[in-house]
């Protein structure tokens, strides 16, 4: 059986567990995949029924029920994010749920096996990016606390519930995972920035000490600024590295978005990875399409080609509807971007279709864009006129 539009089967619950939020000793968010998060789902009960190992979560009653429902053609509410996408776009994460499955896994849906863990290592980060939120970067806490409620509304930050550290260090399942990785041979990690989080480094050390690193693949979402020699030596112990690089633009455009990182430092870090990592690896840029980078994507594509990054995956901005959403931008300029990107072989993802859609459907709203830009400009003593491309500045200024 494979995931198809005419069935409800999904690979994820048969081989993966996503553990995305910790609060002291509690694992607060546990589900088969992160696309479930934010929906009412049967895994909420784990908050009151903590397990001692990730395997216990994987073989628990709600996980077994979910697997049985998917095999029986039922569509559980917890999977609504995929059902909605399939109804409208005929696409979903479910349909590609084998993408991070271990290549040597002898998959058997009658005997599921936990081989992939999808972890958040906490909010520790060295950047305060304009399209991010304090939920993913503690570097934004200071500005968050200085903002008014109306400013938080503009940024979609009104529902952020907790700013405390959410590292896994005190969780018993995490501690047992460091002692015994079982058959988990693919580890996905996201921060914050994993390479500055002690728990992520401790996890790498645990795999190396157990001897399992040589048969384990890492999928790391990183801002690519912490590829120092010490970290790269750790990566060389692993079977394969898949880097998802959070890079949105080049030069001044990059520096405006990914405050306070100089572009040159990012470039030097990426070069250090290329020079020091000897194991098998992939490098993929992932970025949302947004007003900050919409006129810079062609330059980003050219730079990615120049240092042999595999491809760029374009997504839509979170939250859709923010001031920086390209649906507020000029149709004429969006069409110019789409024409320049549509035949680029290293551009993939739904973001390209979103650009195409808005060449016909965008409704210009300079006021919404400026309201968002000015929040950070005022706090950082910056102005968009010094960073963004002339075409965007001219549009914002009504020229």
Protein backbone atom coordinates (compact mmCIF):
# COMPACT_ATOMS: atom_id res chain seq x y z
CA UNK A 1 0.00 0.00 0.00
CA UNK A 2 1.15 3.51 -0.84
CA UNK A 3 -0.38 6.93 -0.05
CA UNK A 4 -2.74 7.91 -2.87
CA UNK A 5 -5.51 10.48 -3.24
CA UNK A 6 -8.05 7.66 -3.20
CA UNK A 7 -6.94 6.27 0.18
CA UNK A 8 -5.95 7.64 3.59
CA UNK A 9 -2.74 5.69 4.16
CA UNK A 10 0.31 7.58 5.45
CA UNK A 11 3.78 6.22 6.18
CA UNK A 12 4.64 8.57 9.07
CA UNK A 13 2.72 6.83 11.90
CA UNK A 14 4.45 3.57 10.98
CA UNK A 15 8.03 4.75 11.36
CA UNK A 16 8.25 8.26 12.87
CA UNK A 17 7.61 10.22 16.04
CA UNK A 18 7.70 14.03 16.30
CA UNK A 19 8.49 15.51 19.72
CA UNK A 20 8.34 19.25 19.36
CA UNK A 21 7.91 21.01 22.67
CA UNK A 22 9.27 20.45 26.16
CA UNK A 23 8.31 22.21 29.40
CA UNK A 24 10.67 21.26 32.17
CA UNK A 25 10.39 17.48 32.45
CA UNK A 26 7.25 17.30 30.29
CA UNK A 27 7.09 16.44 26.61
CA UNK A 28 4.11 18.63 25.74
CA UNK A 29 3.82 17.99 22.00
CA UNK A 30 4.08 14.43 20.74
CA UNK A 31 2.57 13.19 17.46
CA UNK A 32 3.53 11.09 14.41
CA UNK A 33 4.35 14.23 12.40
CA UNK A 34 4.61 17.97 12.99
CA UNK A 35 1.84 18.71 10.48
CA UNK A 36 -0.66 17.54 13.10
CA UNK A 37 0.35 20.20 15.57
CA UNK A 38 -2.28 22.86 16.11
CA UNK A 39 -5.17 20.48 15.46
CA UNK A 40 -7.23 18.69 18.10
CA UNK A 41 -5.69 15.26 18.15
CA UNK A 42 -5.67 12.10 20.27
CA UNK A 43 -2.08 12.63 21.34
CA UNK A 44 -2.91 15.56 23.64
CA UNK A 45 -3.43 13.04 26.39
CA UNK A 46 0.32 12.45 26.55
CA UNK A 47 0.59 15.65 28.59
CA UNK A 48 -0.96 13.71 31.47
CA UNK A 49 0.48 10.33 30.54
CA UNK A 50 4.19 10.83 30.04
CA UNK A 51 6.20 7.90 28.74
CA UNK A 52 9.73 6.96 29.71
CA UNK A 53 10.92 6.24 26.18
CA UNK A 54 10.08 7.44 22.67
CA UNK A 55 9.32 3.82 21.81
CA UNK A 56 6.54 3.75 24.43
CA UNK A 57 4.88 6.71 22.74
CA UNK A 58 5.23 5.05 19.35
CA UNK A 59 3.55 1.80 20.46
CA UNK A 60 0.88 3.47 22.60
CA UNK A 61 -2.88 2.94 22.17
CA UNK A 62 -3.63 6.21 20.29
CA UNK A 63 -0.81 5.54 17.85
CA UNK A 64 -2.09 2.01 17.23
CA UNK A 65 -5.61 3.36 16.67
CA UNK A 66 -4.35 5.95 14.20
CA UNK A 67 -2.47 3.32 12.23
CA UNK A 68 -5.54 1.07 12.11
CA UNK A 69 -7.78 3.98 11.02
CA UNK A 70 -5.44 4.93 8.17
CA UNK A 71 -5.26 1.35 6.96
CA UNK A 72 -9.07 1.13 7.08
CA UNK A 73 -9.50 4.21 4.88
CA UNK A 74 -10.72 6.49 7.69
CA UNK A 75 -9.68 10.17 7.83
CA UNK A 76 -8.87 11.13 11.45
CA UNK A 77 -9.39 14.78 12.37
CA UNK A 78 -5.80 15.05 13.60
CA UNK A 79 -4.67 14.73 9.96
CA UNK A 80 -6.84 17.62 8.72
CA UNK A 81 -3.91 19.62 7.39
CA UNK A 82 -3.40 16.96 4.71
CA UNK A 83 -7.09 16.33 3.98
CA UNK A 84 -7.64 20.06 3.37
CA UNK A 85 -4.62 20.33 1.05
CA UNK A 86 -5.65 17.27 -0.92
CA UNK A 87 -9.16 18.59 -1.39
CA UNK A 88 -7.97 21.95 -2.74
CA UNK A 89 -4.53 21.39 -4.29
CA UNK A 90 -4.44 17.60 -4.75
CA UNK A 91 -1.14 17.66 -2.84
CA UNK A 92 -0.12 17.04 0.76
CA UNK A 93 2.75 16.02 3.03
CA UNK A 94 1.07 12.61 3.47
CA UNK A 95 1.55 11.77 -0.19
CA UNK A 96 5.32 12.17 0.26
CA UNK A 97 5.55 10.69 3.76
CA UNK A 98 8.25 8.26 2.70
CA UNK A 99 10.72 11.09 1.97
CA UNK A 100 12.79 10.72 5.15
CA UNK A 101 12.29 7.01 5.67
CA UNK A 102 15.61 5.17 6.12
CA UNK A 103 16.75 3.96 2.72
CA UNK A 104 17.50 0.48 4.04
CA UNK A 105 14.22 0.07 5.98
CA UNK A 106 12.28 -3.08 5.09
CA UNK A 107 8.90 -1.39 5.59
CA UNK A 108 6.10 -3.58 6.96
CA UNK A 109 2.88 -1.83 7.99
CA UNK A 110 1.82 -4.88 10.00
CA UNK A 111 4.92 -4.52 12.17
CA UNK A 112 5.68 -0.78 12.52
CA UNK A 113 9.12 0.17 13.73
CA UNK A 114 10.29 3.51 15.17
CA UNK A 115 13.24 4.47 12.98
CA UNK A 116 12.87 8.27 12.71
CA UNK A 117 12.60 10.89 15.43
CA UNK A 118 11.69 14.51 14.61
CA UNK A 119 12.93 16.74 17.43
CA UNK A 120 12.89 20.37 18.44
CA UNK A 121 16.00 21.13 20.46
CA UNK A 122 14.68 24.38 21.95
CA UNK A 123 14.43 28.10 21.21
CA UNK A 124 18.11 28.94 21.59
CA UNK A 125 19.11 30.96 18.54
CA UNK A 126 21.73 33.49 17.52
CA UNK A 127 19.48 35.38 15.06
CA UNK A 128 16.33 37.48 15.35
CA UNK A 129 14.85 37.05 11.87
CA UNK A 130 12.01 39.31 10.79
CA UNK A 131 9.65 36.56 9.67
CA UNK A 132 10.30 34.31 12.70
CA UNK A 133 8.72 34.46 16.18
CA UNK A 134 9.80 34.14 19.83
CA UNK A 135 8.32 30.64 19.78
CA UNK A 136 11.27 29.63 17.59
CA UNK A 137 13.97 32.10 18.64
CA UNK A 138 14.76 33.41 22.12
CA UNK A 139 16.74 36.17 20.39
CA UNK A 140 13.40 37.86 19.66
CA UNK A 141 12.26 37.89 23.30
CA UNK A 142 13.56 41.37 24.04
CA UNK A 143 11.70 42.94 21.11
CA UNK A 144 8.59 40.90 21.86
CA UNK A 145 8.48 42.28 25.41
CA UNK A 146 8.90 45.85 24.09
CA UNK A 147 6.01 45.55 21.63
CA UNK A 148 2.44 46.68 22.10
CA UNK A 149 -0.42 44.20 21.76
CA UNK A 150 -1.34 45.74 18.42
CA UNK A 151 2.20 45.27 17.09
CA UNK A 152 2.12 41.59 18.16
CA UNK A 153 -1.19 41.23 16.33
CA UNK A 154 0.36 42.59 13.13
CA UNK A 155 3.15 39.99 13.34
CA UNK A 156 0.84 37.12 14.30
CA UNK A 157 2.52 36.81 17.69
CA UNK A 158 -0.60 37.23 19.83
CA UNK A 159 -0.98 33.52 20.61
CA UNK A 160 2.55 32.86 21.84
CA UNK A 161 1.92 31.25 25.21
CA UNK A 162 5.32 30.67 26.71
CA UNK A 163 8.76 32.24 26.41
CA UNK A 164 10.58 29.96 28.83
CA UNK A 165 13.30 27.69 27.55
CA UNK A 166 11.84 24.55 25.98
CA UNK A 167 14.94 22.38 25.80
CA UNK A 168 14.51 18.62 26.31
CA UNK A 169 17.33 18.15 28.86
CA UNK A 170 15.08 17.30 31.85
CA UNK A 171 12.71 14.95 30.03
CA UNK A 172 13.05 11.26 30.98
CA UNK A 173 12.35 9.98 27.44
CA UNK A 174 15.08 12.28 26.10
CA UNK A 175 17.52 11.13 28.76
CA UNK A 176 16.81 7.49 27.95
CA UNK A 177 17.23 8.25 24.25
CA UNK A 178 20.74 9.57 24.94
CA UNK A 179 21.49 6.29 26.73
CA UNK A 180 19.94 4.01 24.12
CA UNK A 181 18.95 5.13 20.61
CA UNK A 182 17.28 1.79 19.80
CA UNK A 183 16.66 1.43 16.06
CA UNK A 184 16.34 5.17 15.40
CA UNK A 185 18.56 5.68 12.37
CA UNK A 186 17.17 9.01 11.09
CA UNK A 187 17.15 12.08 13.34
CA UNK A 188 15.48 15.30 12.22
CA UNK A 189 16.40 18.35 14.28
CA UNK A 190 15.12 21.89 14.34
CA UNK A 191 15.65 24.78 16.77
CA UNK A 192 16.11 27.61 17.47
CA UNK A 193 19.49 26.92 15.98
CA UNK A 194 20.53 23.32 16.70
CA UNK A 195 24.27 23.96 16.47
CA UNK A 196 24.21 26.33 19.48
CA UNK A 197 21.95 24.09 21.58
CA UNK A 198 23.80 21.81 24.05
CA UNK A 199 21.13 19.10 23.77
CA UNK A 200 21.70 18.73 20.03
CA UNK A 201 25.46 18.43 20.50
CA UNK A 202 24.88 15.93 23.33
CA UNK A 203 22.71 13.87 21.00
CA UNK A 204 25.44 13.81 18.34
CA UNK A 205 27.95 12.72 21.00
CA UNK A 206 25.59 9.97 22.19
CA UNK A 207 25.31 8.50 18.69
CA UNK A 208 29.06 8.67 18.20
CA UNK A 209 29.80 6.98 21.57
CA UNK A 210 27.26 4.21 20.91
CA UNK A 211 28.81 3.50 17.51
CA UNK A 212 25.45 4.09 15.75
CA UNK A 213 26.41 7.36 14.07
CA UNK A 214 27.94 5.50 11.12
CA UNK A 215 24.52 4.03 10.25
CA UNK A 216 22.48 7.15 11.06
CA UNK A 217 21.25 9.98 8.83
CA UNK A 218 20.77 13.53 10.14
CA UNK A 219 18.22 15.97 8.73
CA UNK A 220 19.07 19.36 10.24
CA UNK A 221 17.22 22.65 9.82
CA UNK A 222 19.86 25.30 10.45
CA UNK A 223 20.61 28.95 9.71
CA UNK A 224 24.05 27.78 8.48
CA UNK A 225 26.02 30.31 10.55
CA UNK A 226 27.59 27.89 13.04
CA UNK A 227 29.50 25.52 10.80
CA UNK A 228 32.67 25.75 12.87
CA UNK A 229 35.39 23.13 12.67
CA UNK A 230 34.44 21.47 15.97
CA UNK A 231 30.83 20.91 14.87
CA UNK A 232 31.89 19.66 11.45
CA UNK A 233 34.15 17.01 13.01
CA UNK A 234 31.08 15.63 14.80
CA UNK A 235 29.09 15.45 11.57
CA UNK A 236 31.79 13.42 9.84
CA UNK A 237 30.95 10.43 12.06
CA UNK A 238 27.47 10.10 10.51
CA UNK A 239 26.32 8.12 7.49
CA UNK A 240 24.63 11.03 5.72
CA UNK A 241 23.78 14.67 6.43
CA UNK A 242 20.80 16.46 4.90
CA UNK A 243 21.00 20.17 5.63
CA UNK A 244 17.94 22.37 5.27
CA UNK A 245 19.51 25.83 5.14
CA UNK A 246 17.37 28.75 6.28
CA UNK A 247 18.74 31.36 3.87
CA UNK A 248 16.33 33.78 2.21
CA UNK A 249 18.35 36.25 0.16
CA UNK A 250 21.88 37.52 -0.44
CA UNK A 251 23.99 40.47 0.69
CA UNK A 252 22.08 43.47 2.15
CA UNK A 253 18.70 41.80 1.66
CA UNK A 254 19.93 38.87 3.75
CA UNK A 255 21.26 41.16 6.48
CA UNK A 256 17.93 43.00 6.71
CA UNK A 257 16.03 39.74 7.20
CA UNK A 258 18.47 37.73 9.34
CA UNK A 259 19.52 40.32 11.89
CA UNK A 260 22.30 40.73 13.04
CA UNK A 261 24.26 38.35 10.79
CA UNK A 262 26.68 39.81 8.19
CA UNK A 263 26.37 38.17 4.78
CA UNK A 264 30.12 37.54 4.59
CA UNK A 265 30.05 35.56 7.83
CA UNK A 266 27.28 33.34 6.48
CA UNK A 267 29.22 32.74 3.26
CA UNK A 268 32.39 31.86 5.19
CA UNK A 269 30.43 29.42 7.36
CA UNK A 270 28.96 27.67 4.31
CA UNK A 271 32.43 27.41 2.76
CA UNK A 272 33.77 25.89 5.98
CA UNK A 273 31.13 23.19 5.79
CA UNK A 274 32.12 22.42 2.22
CA UNK A 275 35.81 22.28 3.17
CA UNK A 276 35.54 20.25 6.38
CA UNK A 277 32.70 17.74 5.89
CA UNK A 278 33.86 14.53 4.27
CA UNK A 279 30.80 12.31 4.80
CA UNK A 280 27.89 12.07 2.35
CA UNK A 281 25.67 15.15 2.41
CA UNK A 282 22.97 17.25 0.71
CA UNK A 283 22.51 21.02 1.03
CA UNK A 284 19.05 22.45 0.38
CA UNK A 285 18.00 26.06 0.91
CA UNK A 286 14.52 26.45 2.39
CA UNK A 287 12.85 29.85 2.46
CA UNK A 288 9.39 31.34 2.46
CA UNK A 289 8.43 33.60 -0.42
CA UNK A 290 7.84 37.04 1.11
CA UNK A 291 8.18 40.72 0.38
CA UNK A 292 11.65 40.76 1.96
CA UNK A 293 13.13 38.41 -0.64
CA UNK A 294 10.74 38.36 -3.59
CA UNK A 295 12.96 40.54 -5.82
CA UNK A 296 16.14 38.75 -4.68
CA UNK A 297 15.28 35.12 -5.40
CA UNK A 298 17.05 35.03 -8.75
CA UNK A 299 20.27 36.24 -7.11
CA UNK A 300 19.82 33.63 -4.38
CA UNK A 301 19.37 30.96 -7.05
CA UNK A 302 22.58 32.04 -8.80
CA UNK A 303 24.53 32.06 -5.54
CA UNK A 304 23.23 28.59 -4.64
CA UNK A 305 24.40 27.29 -8.02
CA UNK A 306 27.82 28.90 -7.55
CA UNK A 307 28.53 26.90 -4.36
CA UNK A 308 26.74 23.74 -5.56
CA UNK A 309 23.76 23.77 -3.22
CA UNK A 310 21.37 21.09 -4.48
CA UNK A 311 18.27 23.26 -4.84
CA UNK A 312 16.06 25.94 -3.25
CA UNK A 313 12.72 24.94 -1.75
CA UNK A 314 10.28 27.86 -1.80
CA UNK A 315 7.40 27.86 0.66
CA UNK A 316 4.72 30.36 1.71
CA UNK A 317 5.26 32.75 4.59
CA UNK A 318 3.88 31.95 8.02
CA UNK A 319 1.44 33.32 8.96
CA UNK A 320 -0.16 33.75 5.53
CA UNK A 321 -1.74 37.20 5.48
CA UNK A 322 1.04 39.04 7.31
CA UNK A 323 2.15 42.36 5.91
CA UNK A 324 5.11 40.68 4.22
CA UNK A 325 2.84 38.24 2.37
CA UNK A 326 3.32 38.78 -1.40
CA UNK A 327 -0.45 38.87 -1.84
CA UNK A 328 -0.07 42.56 -0.91
CA UNK A 329 2.56 43.22 -3.59
CA UNK A 330 2.50 44.50 -7.19
CA UNK A 331 1.16 42.06 -9.81
CA UNK A 332 3.49 43.56 -12.41
CA UNK A 333 6.59 43.00 -10.28
CA UNK A 334 5.42 39.52 -9.26
CA UNK A 335 5.04 38.60 -12.91
CA UNK A 336 8.60 39.79 -13.53
CA UNK A 337 9.81 37.51 -10.73
CA UNK A 338 7.81 34.53 -11.96
CA UNK A 339 9.15 34.88 -15.51
CA UNK A 340 12.72 34.95 -14.17
CA UNK A 341 12.25 31.87 -11.92
CA UNK A 342 9.88 29.53 -13.73
CA UNK A 343 12.59 27.80 -15.73
CA UNK A 344 15.21 27.75 -12.99
CA UNK A 345 16.14 24.11 -12.46
CA UNK A 346 17.19 24.67 -8.85
CA UNK A 347 13.87 26.22 -7.75
CA UNK A 348 11.24 23.88 -6.27
CA UNK A 349 8.33 23.95 -3.85
CA UNK A 350 4.84 25.48 -3.55
CA UNK A 351 6.21 29.01 -3.27
CA UNK A 352 6.70 29.24 -7.02
CA UNK A 353 3.04 28.39 -7.61
CA UNK A 354 2.11 30.96 -4.96
CA UNK A 355 4.00 33.61 -6.92
CA UNK A 356 2.20 32.57 -10.10
CA UNK A 357 -1.17 32.68 -8.33
CA UNK A 358 -0.54 36.21 -7.09
CA UNK A 359 0.48 37.51 -10.51
CA UNK A 360 -3.29 37.42 -11.11
CA UNK A 361 -4.76 37.69 -7.61
CA UNK A 362 -2.56 40.01 -5.52
CA UNK A 363 -4.25 43.11 -4.11
CA UNK A 364 -1.74 45.88 -3.50
CA UNK A 365 -1.63 47.06 0.12
CA UNK A 366 1.39 49.23 0.87
CA UNK A 367 -0.08 50.19 4.23
CA UNK A 368 -0.12 46.58 5.49
CA UNK A 369 3.48 46.05 4.36
CA UNK A 370 4.76 49.28 5.87
CA UNK A 371 3.08 48.63 9.22
CA UNK A 372 5.09 45.43 9.57
CA UNK A 373 8.39 46.81 8.27
CA UNK A 374 8.23 49.79 10.59
CA UNK A 375 7.90 47.66 13.74
CA UNK A 376 11.41 46.27 13.40
CA UNK A 377 12.84 49.33 11.63
CA UNK A 378 12.01 51.52 14.62
CA UNK A 379 13.39 49.06 17.18
CA UNK A 380 16.58 48.35 15.23
CA UNK A 381 17.23 51.89 14.00
CA UNK A 382 17.00 50.68 10.40
CA UNK A 383 15.09 51.78 7.33
CA UNK A 384 13.94 49.56 4.48
CA UNK A 385 15.23 52.19 2.02
CA UNK A 386 18.84 51.23 2.92
CA UNK A 387 18.39 47.47 2.51
CA UNK A 388 15.62 46.43 0.13
CA UNK A 389 15.95 46.47 -3.69
CA UNK A 390 15.10 49.71 -5.47
CA UNK A 391 12.05 48.15 -7.13
CA UNK A 392 10.46 47.39 -3.75
CA UNK A 393 11.48 50.73 -2.23
CA UNK A 394 9.98 52.54 -5.23
CA UNK A 395 6.74 50.57 -4.90
CA UNK A 396 6.53 51.22 -1.16
CA UNK A 397 7.14 54.92 -1.69
CA UNK A 398 4.49 55.08 -4.41
CA UNK A 399 6.90 56.04 -7.16
